[in-house]
Amino acid sequence: MPDFLDMGAYGSFIWTAYGIAALVMVGLFVASWRRLRAREVALADLLETFEEPTPVRPVGVLTDDSRDDLDGRNGSPS
């Protein structure tokens, strides 16, 4: 087992590299997890603002009186 850990006199470099890689991966996981929680909170806040229905009709929906005269929407046809 000591020969495996020593890795031919390069063990200190190899195990240090493994340790740094593990720390970076843990750091990325923590950062991603925090970002996920922050976005979930932001989404919940955004959804709360849209709970009340808005009196605005969808864009592009024509009313019954404008279906016959599509060219004259900006005024009377000439």
Protein backbone atom coordinates (compact mmCIF):
# COMPACT_ATOMS: atom_id res chain seq x y z
CA MET A 1 0.00 0.00 0.00
CA PRO A 2 2.79 2.53 0.72
CA ASP A 3 4.17 1.87 -2.79
CA PHE A 4 0.77 2.69 -4.29
CA LEU A 5 0.49 5.94 -2.32
CA ASP A 6 4.07 6.92 -3.18
CA MET A 7 3.44 6.28 -6.91
CA GLY A 8 7.10 6.04 -7.83
CA ALA A 9 8.19 9.20 -5.99
CA TYR A 10 5.52 11.29 -7.75
CA GLY A 11 2.81 10.64 -5.19
CA SER A 12 2.89 14.11 -3.66
CA PHE A 13 2.26 15.74 -7.05
CA ILE A 14 -0.42 13.25 -8.10
CA TRP A 15 -2.35 13.32 -4.83
CA THR A 16 -2.14 17.12 -4.74
CA ALA A 17 -3.60 17.26 -8.26
CA TYR A 18 -6.39 14.88 -7.24
CA GLY A 19 -7.12 17.02 -4.18
CA ILE A 20 -7.25 20.26 -6.17
CA ALA A 21 -9.53 18.65 -8.77
CA ALA A 22 -11.85 17.39 -6.02
CA LEU A 23 -11.97 20.84 -4.41
CA VAL A 24 -12.80 22.48 -7.74
CA MET A 25 -15.60 19.97 -8.38
CA VAL A 26 -17.06 20.53 -4.91
CA GLY A 27 -16.83 24.29 -5.43
CA LEU A 28 -18.65 24.04 -8.76
CA PHE A 29 -21.36 21.91 -7.17
CA VAL A 30 -21.88 24.40 -4.34
CA ALA A 31 -21.95 27.36 -6.73
CA SER A 32 -24.47 25.62 -9.00
CA TRP A 33 -26.64 24.65 -6.05
CA ARG A 34 -26.66 28.23 -4.72
CA ARG A 35 -27.48 29.61 -8.18
CA LEU A 36 -30.34 27.11 -8.49
CA ARG A 37 -31.80 28.17 -5.14
CA ALA A 38 -31.52 31.86 -6.04
CA ARG A 39 -33.28 31.29 -9.36
CA GLU A 40 -36.04 29.28 -7.69
CA VAL A 41 -36.65 32.17 -5.29
CA ALA A 42 -36.64 34.67 -8.16
CA LEU A 43 -39.09 32.51 -10.11
CA ALA A 44 -41.40 32.22 -7.11
CA ASP A 45 -41.36 36.01 -6.70
CA LEU A 46 -42.07 36.48 -10.39
CA LEU A 47 -44.96 34.03 -10.33
CA GLU A 48 -46.48 35.84 -7.35
CA THR A 49 -46.64 39.06 -9.36
CA PHE A 50 -48.68 37.36 -12.09
CA GLU A 51 -51.25 35.65 -9.87
CA GLU A 52 -53.80 38.41 -10.51
CA PRO A 53 -55.32 38.32 -13.99
CA THR A 54 -54.36 41.22 -16.22
CA PRO A 55 -57.04 43.01 -18.26
CA VAL A 56 -54.85 43.02 -21.38
CA ARG A 57 -55.94 40.89 -24.31
CA PRO A 58 -53.34 38.94 -26.31
CA VAL A 59 -51.52 40.74 -29.10
CA GLY A 60 -52.74 40.00 -32.59
CA VAL A 61 -56.30 39.06 -31.64
CA LEU A 62 -58.80 40.74 -33.91
CA THR A 63 -62.14 41.96 -32.61
CA ASP A 64 -65.36 41.09 -34.41
CA ASP A 65 -65.71 44.54 -36.02
CA SER A 66 -62.21 44.54 -37.56
CA ARG A 67 -62.35 41.15 -39.29
CA ASP A 68 -64.00 42.46 -42.45
CA ASP A 69 -61.69 45.44 -42.99
CA LEU A 70 -58.06 44.35 -42.44
CA ASP A 71 -56.61 47.03 -44.71
CA GLY A 72 -58.40 49.85 -42.92
CA ARG A 73 -57.18 49.18 -39.40
CA ASN A 74 -55.30 52.48 -39.24
CA GLY A 75 -58.17 54.54 -40.58
CA SER A 76 -60.89 54.44 -43.18
CA PRO A 77 -60.01 52.74 -46.49
CA SER A 78 -59.39 55.11 -49.37
